[in-house]
């Protein structure tokens, strides 16, 4: 149930944000936003598993 709620919330957030063209942030919020973007990505087991799977570009068609 929690996975469903998180997925639904993320999907709705993506839809809402995709419709926005302008994002207005205070200088402090902008600095925090840039820091998050500049920080190294957190590796998770699921992401590692996904990235280790063959892709359509790996096939020898």
PDB file of N, CA and C in Angstrom:
ATOM      1  N   UNK A   1       0.813  -1.188   0.000  1.00  0.00           N
ATOM      2  CA  UNK A   1       0.000   0.000   0.000  1.00  0.00           C
ATOM      3  C   UNK A   1       0.863   1.260   0.000  1.00  0.00           C
ATOM      4  N   UNK A   2       1.953   1.230   0.796  1.00  0.00           N
ATOM      5  CA  UNK A   2       2.828   2.398   0.854  1.00  0.00           C
ATOM      6  C   UNK A   2       3.488   2.629  -0.505  1.00  0.00           C
ATOM      7  N   UNK A   3       3.909   1.534  -1.169  1.00  0.00           N
ATOM      8  CA  UNK A   3       4.520   1.680  -2.489  1.00  0.00           C
ATOM      9  C   UNK A   3       3.545   2.319  -3.470  1.00  0.00           C
ATOM     10  N   UNK A   4       2.287   1.922  -3.396  1.00  0.00           N
ATOM     11  CA  UNK A   4       1.268   2.493  -4.279  1.00  0.00           C
ATOM     12  C   UNK A   4       1.119   3.990  -4.023  1.00  0.00           C
ATOM     13  N   UNK A   5       1.055   4.376  -2.753  1.00  0.00           N
ATOM     14  CA  UNK A   5       0.896   5.793  -2.417  1.00  0.00           C
ATOM     15  C   UNK A   5       2.102   6.611  -2.861  1.00  0.00           C
ATOM     16  N   UNK A   6       3.300   6.080  -2.637  1.00  0.00           N
ATOM     17  CA  UNK A   6       4.505   6.795  -3.063  1.00  0.00           C
ATOM     18  C   UNK A   6       4.563   6.921  -4.579  1.00  0.00           C
ATOM     19  N   UNK A   7       4.215   5.859  -5.282  1.00  0.00           N
ATOM     20  CA  UNK A   7       4.221   5.894  -6.744  1.00  0.00           C
ATOM     21  C   UNK A   7       3.190   6.886  -7.262  1.00  0.00           C
ATOM     22  N   UNK A   8       2.010   6.875  -6.671  1.00  0.00           N
ATOM     23  CA  UNK A   8       0.958   7.810  -7.089  1.00  0.00           C
ATOM     24  C   UNK A   8       1.377   9.249  -6.837  1.00  0.00           C
ATOM     25  N   UNK A   9       1.970   9.501  -5.694  1.00  0.00           N
ATOM     26  CA  UNK A   9       2.422  10.857  -5.374  1.00  0.00           C
ATOM     27  C   UNK A   9       3.513  11.305  -6.332  1.00  0.00           C
ATOM     28  N   UNK A  10       4.458  10.430  -6.626  1.00  0.00           N
ATOM     29  CA  UNK A  10       5.549  10.778  -7.542  1.00  0.00           C
ATOM     30  C   UNK A  10       5.020  11.036  -8.950  1.00  0.00           C
ATOM     31  N   UNK A  11       4.095  10.215  -9.395  1.00  0.00           N
ATOM     32  CA  UNK A  11       3.518  10.390 -10.730  1.00  0.00           C
ATOM     33  C   UNK A  11       2.786  11.717 -10.826  1.00  0.00           C
ATOM     34  N   UNK A  12       2.006  12.039  -9.816  1.00  0.00           N
ATOM     35  CA  UNK A  12       1.280  13.308  -9.816  1.00  0.00           C
ATOM     36  C   UNK A  12       2.236  14.485  -9.753  1.00  0.00           C
ATOM     37  N   UNK A  13       3.277  14.384  -8.952  1.00  0.00           N
ATOM     38  CA  UNK A  13       4.266  15.462  -8.853  1.00  0.00           C
ATOM     39  C   UNK A  13       4.963  15.669 -10.197  1.00  0.00           C
ATOM     40  N   UNK A  14       5.305  14.599 -10.879  1.00  0.00           N
ATOM     41  CA  UNK A  14       5.950  14.716 -12.197  1.00  0.00           C
ATOM     42  C   UNK A  14       5.031  15.428 -13.178  1.00  0.00           C
ATOM     43  N   UNK A  15       3.747  15.094 -13.147  1.00  0.00           N
ATOM     44  CA  UNK A  15       2.781  15.724 -14.057  1.00  0.00           C
ATOM     45  C   UNK A  15       2.671  17.217 -13.763  1.00  0.00           C
ATOM     46  N   UNK A  16       2.544  17.561 -12.491  1.00  0.00           N
ATOM     47  CA  UNK A  16       2.405  18.963 -12.106  1.00  0.00           C
ATOM     48  C   UNK A  16       3.662  19.744 -12.481  1.00  0.00           C
ATOM     49  N   UNK A  17       4.833  19.204 -12.172  1.00  0.00           N
ATOM     50  CA  UNK A  17       6.074  19.911 -12.472  1.00  0.00           C
ATOM     51  C   UNK A  17       6.328  20.020 -13.966  1.00  0.00           C
ATOM     52  N   UNK A  18       5.910  19.029 -14.732  1.00  0.00           N
ATOM     53  CA  UNK A  18       6.114  19.073 -16.181  1.00  0.00           C
ATOM     54  C   UNK A  18       5.300  20.194 -16.816  1.00  0.00           C
ATOM     55  N   UNK A  19       4.210  20.570 -16.186  1.00  0.00           N
ATOM     56  CA  UNK A  19       3.358  21.629 -16.722  1.00  0.00           C
ATOM     57  C   UNK A  19       3.880  23.026 -16.384  1.00  0.00           C
ATOM     58  N   UNK A  20       4.807  23.114 -15.458  1.00  0.00           N
ATOM     59  CA  UNK A  20       5.333  24.419 -15.040  1.00  0.00           C
ATOM     60  C   UNK A  20       6.499  24.820 -15.930  1.00  0.00           C
ATOM     61  N   UNK A  21       6.557  26.075 -16.275  1.00  0.00           N
ATOM     62  CA  UNK A  21       7.659  26.583 -17.078  1.00  0.00           C
ATOM     63  C   UNK A  21       8.600  27.454 -16.254  1.00  0.00           C
ATOM     64  N   UNK A  22       8.116  28.033 -15.188  1.00  0.00           N
ATOM     65  CA  UNK A  22       8.906  28.928 -14.358  1.00  0.00           C
ATOM     66  C   UNK A  22       8.929  28.424 -12.928  1.00  0.00           C
ATOM     67  N   UNK A  23      10.102  28.422 -12.335  1.00  0.00           N
ATOM     68  CA  UNK A  23      10.277  28.069 -10.937  1.00  0.00           C
ATOM     69  C   UNK A  23      10.974  29.253 -10.266  1.00  0.00           C
ATOM     70  N   UNK A  24      10.315  29.836  -9.300  1.00  0.00           N
ATOM     71  CA  UNK A  24      10.866  31.006  -8.625  1.00  0.00           C
ATOM     72  C   UNK A  24      11.311  30.588  -7.227  1.00  0.00           C
ATOM     73  N   UNK A  25      12.601  30.795  -6.956  1.00  0.00           N
ATOM     74  CA  UNK A  25      13.169  30.420  -5.665  1.00  0.00           C
ATOM     75  C   UNK A  25      13.887  31.621  -5.059  1.00  0.00           C
ATOM     76  N   UNK A  26      13.917  31.638  -3.756  1.00  0.00           N
ATOM     77  CA  UNK A  26      14.732  32.651  -3.071  1.00  0.00           C
ATOM     78  C   UNK A  26      16.205  32.312  -3.312  1.00  0.00           C
ATOM     79  N   UNK A  27      17.089  33.252  -3.099  1.00  0.00           N
ATOM     80  CA  UNK A  27      18.521  32.945  -3.277  1.00  0.00           C
ATOM     81  C   UNK A  27      18.979  31.768  -2.406  1.00  0.00           C
ATOM     82  N   UNK A  28      18.464  31.688  -1.189  1.00  0.00           N
ATOM     83  CA  UNK A  28      18.846  30.589  -0.305  1.00  0.00           C
ATOM     84  C   UNK A  28      18.329  29.254  -0.834  1.00  0.00           C
ATOM     85  N   UNK A  29      17.080  29.251  -1.304  1.00  0.00           N
ATOM     86  CA  UNK A  29      16.503  28.025  -1.855  1.00  0.00           C
ATOM     87  C   UNK A  29      17.232  27.612  -3.133  1.00  0.00           C
ATOM     88  N   UNK A  30      17.643  28.603  -3.947  1.00  0.00           N
ATOM     89  CA  UNK A  30      18.382  28.292  -5.166  1.00  0.00           C
ATOM     90  C   UNK A  30      19.732  27.654  -4.840  1.00  0.00           C
ATOM     91  N   UNK A  31      20.407  28.190  -3.829  1.00  0.00           N
ATOM     92  CA  UNK A  31      21.690  27.624  -3.414  1.00  0.00           C
ATOM     93  C   UNK A  31      21.516  26.178  -2.940  1.00  0.00           C
ATOM     94  N   UNK A  32      20.459  25.941  -2.183  1.00  0.00           N
ATOM     95  CA  UNK A  32      20.190  24.579  -1.712  1.00  0.00           C
ATOM     96  C   UNK A  32      19.867  23.651  -2.884  1.00  0.00           C
ATOM     97  N   UNK A  33      19.084  24.144  -3.846  1.00  0.00           N
ATOM     98  CA  UNK A  33      18.746  23.369  -5.039  1.00  0.00           C
ATOM     99  C   UNK A  33      20.004  23.006  -5.821  1.00  0.00           C
ATOM    100  N   UNK A  34      20.891  23.963  -6.022  1.00  0.00           N
ATOM    101  CA  UNK A  34      22.136  23.699  -6.740  1.00  0.00           C
ATOM    102  C   UNK A  34      23.010  22.703  -5.988  1.00  0.00           C
ATOM    103  N   UNK A  35      23.031  22.799  -4.669  1.00  0.00           N
ATOM    104  CA  UNK A  35      23.836  21.865  -3.875  1.00  0.00           C
ATOM    105  C   UNK A  35      23.327  20.437  -4.041  1.00  0.00           C
ATOM    106  N   UNK A  36      22.022  20.272  -4.076  1.00  0.00           N
ATOM    107  CA  UNK A  36      21.447  18.939  -4.276  1.00  0.00           C
ATOM    108  C   UNK A  36      21.811  18.417  -5.670  1.00  0.00           C
ATOM    109  N   UNK A  37      21.729  19.275  -6.681  1.00  0.00           N
ATOM    110  CA  UNK A  37      22.068  18.850  -8.039  1.00  0.00           C
ATOM    111  C   UNK A  37      23.548  18.507  -8.167  1.00  0.00           C
ATOM    112  N   UNK A  38      24.403  19.236  -7.460  1.00  0.00           N
ATOM    113  CA  UNK A  38      25.846  19.019  -7.553  1.00  0.00           C
ATOM    114  C   UNK A  38      26.334  17.845  -6.709  1.00  0.00           C
ATOM    115  N   UNK A  39      25.531  17.414  -5.754  1.00  0.00           N
ATOM    116  CA  UNK A  39      25.937  16.311  -4.881  1.00  0.00           C
ATOM    117  C   UNK A  39      25.982  15.006  -5.674  1.00  0.00           C
ATOM    118  N   UNK A  40      26.886  14.105  -5.321  1.00  0.00           N
ATOM    119  CA  UNK A  40      26.933  12.817  -6.017  1.00  0.00           C
ATOM    120  C   UNK A  40      25.634  12.036  -5.790  1.00  0.00           C
ATOM    121  N   UNK A  41      25.267  11.288  -6.791  1.00  0.00           N
ATOM    122  CA  UNK A  41      24.054  10.477  -6.695  1.00  0.00           C
ATOM    123  C   UNK A  41      24.241   9.389  -5.648  1.00  0.00           C
ATOM    124  N   UNK A  42      23.167   9.071  -4.963  1.00  0.00           N
ATOM    125  CA  UNK A  42      23.197   7.999  -3.983  1.00  0.00           C
ATOM    126  C   UNK A  42      22.924   6.688  -4.699  1.00  0.00           C
ATOM    127  N   UNK A  43      23.846   5.757  -4.566  1.00  0.00           N
ATOM    128  CA  UNK A  43      23.663   4.460  -5.226  1.00  0.00           C
ATOM    129  C   UNK A  43      22.812   3.561  -4.343  1.00  0.00           C
ATOM    130  N   UNK A  44      21.807   2.985  -4.941  1.00  0.00           N
ATOM    131  CA  UNK A  44      20.928   2.068  -4.227  1.00  0.00           C
ATOM    132  C   UNK A  44      21.033   0.691  -4.863  1.00  0.00           C
ATOM    133  N   UNK A  45      20.713  -0.371  -4.132  1.00  0.00           N
ATOM    134  CA  UNK A  45      20.779  -1.711  -4.718  1.00  0.00           C
ATOM    135  C   UNK A  45      19.892  -1.857  -5.962  1.00  0.00           C
ATOM    136  N   UNK A  46      18.703  -1.259  -5.925  1.00  0.00           N
ATOM    137  CA  UNK A  46      17.811  -1.375  -7.084  1.00  0.00           C
ATOM    138  C   UNK A  46      18.395  -0.664  -8.305  1.00  0.00           C
ATOM    139  N   UNK A  47      18.991   0.501  -8.087  1.00  0.00           N
ATOM    140  CA  UNK A  47      19.603   1.222  -9.207  1.00  0.00           C
ATOM    141  C   UNK A  47      20.786   0.439  -9.754  1.00  0.00           C
ATOM    142  N   UNK A  48      21.606  -0.113  -8.873  1.00  0.00           N
ATOM    143  CA  UNK A  48      22.735  -0.923  -9.323  1.00  0.00           C
ATOM    144  C   UNK A  48      22.288  -2.127 -10.135  1.00  0.00           C
ATOM    145  N   UNK A  49      21.217  -2.779  -9.699  1.00  0.00           N
ATOM    146  CA  UNK A  49      20.690  -3.933 -10.435  1.00  0.00           C
ATOM    147  C   UNK A  49      20.161  -3.502 -11.797  1.00  0.00           C
ATOM    148  N   UNK A  50      19.457  -2.383 -11.831  1.00  0.00           N
ATOM    149  CA  UNK A  50      18.915  -1.897 -13.097  1.00  0.00           C
ATOM    150  C   UNK A  50      20.023  -1.553 -14.082  1.00  0.00           C
ATOM    151  N   UNK A  51      21.049  -0.872 -13.597  1.00  0.00           N
ATOM    152  CA  UNK A  51      22.130  -0.458 -14.487  1.00  0.00           C
ATOM    153  C   UNK A  51      23.023  -1.617 -14.921  1.00  0.00           C
ATOM    154  N   UNK A  52      22.958  -2.751 -14.238  1.00  0.00           N
ATOM    155  CA  UNK A  52      23.768  -3.898 -14.631  1.00  0.00           C
ATOM    156  C   UNK A  52      23.048  -4.802 -15.630  1.00  0.00           C
ATOM    157  N   UNK A  53      21.767  -4.542 -15.874  1.00  0.00           N
ATOM    158  CA  UNK A  53      21.019  -5.351 -16.850  1.00  0.00           C
ATOM    159  C   UNK A  53      21.383  -4.930 -18.269  1.00  0.00           C
ATOM    160  N   UNK A  54      21.345  -5.884 -19.202  1.00  0.00           N
ATOM    161  CA  UNK A  54      21.594  -5.519 -20.604  1.00  0.00           C
ATOM    162  C   UNK A  54      20.522  -4.560 -21.130  1.00  0.00           C
ATOM    163  N   UNK A  55      20.905  -3.712 -22.031  1.00  0.00           N
ATOM    164  CA  UNK A  55      19.957  -2.773 -22.634  1.00  0.00           C
ATOM    165  C   UNK A  55      19.688  -3.175 -24.075  1.00  0.00           C
ATOM    166  N   UNK A  56      18.778  -2.472 -24.719  1.00  0.00           N
ATOM    167  CA  UNK A  56      18.496  -2.751 -26.127  1.00  0.00           C
ATOM    168  C   UNK A  56      19.717  -2.475 -26.992  1.00  0.00           C
ATOM    169  N   UNK A  57      20.618  -1.642 -26.510  1.00  0.00           N
ATOM    170  CA  UNK A  57      21.824  -1.338 -27.277  1.00  0.00           C
ATOM    171  C   UNK A  57      22.871  -2.425 -27.161  1.00  0.00           C
ATOM    172  N   UNK A  58      22.722  -3.324 -26.181  1.00  0.00           N
ATOM    173  CA  UNK A  58      23.667  -4.417 -25.986  1.00  0.00           C
ATOM    174  C   UNK A  58      23.373  -5.619 -26.886  1.00  0.00           C
ATOM    175  N   UNK A  59      22.154  -5.691 -27.433  1.00  0.00           N
ATOM    176  CA  UNK A  59      21.784  -6.873 -28.227  1.00  0.00           C
ATOM    177  C   UNK A  59      22.481  -6.836 -29.596  1.00  0.00           C
ATOM    178  N   UNK A  60      22.734  -8.022 -30.088  1.00  0.00           N
ATOM    179  CA  UNK A  60      23.379  -8.154 -31.397  1.00  0.00           C
ATOM    180  C   UNK A  60      22.323  -8.536 -32.431  1.00  0.00           C
ATOM    181  N   UNK A  61      21.466  -7.621 -32.803  1.00  0.00           N
ATOM    182  CA  UNK A  61      20.350  -7.911 -33.715  1.00  0.00           C
ATOM    183  C   UNK A  61      20.791  -8.067 -35.128  1.00  0.00           C
TER     184      UNK A  61
END
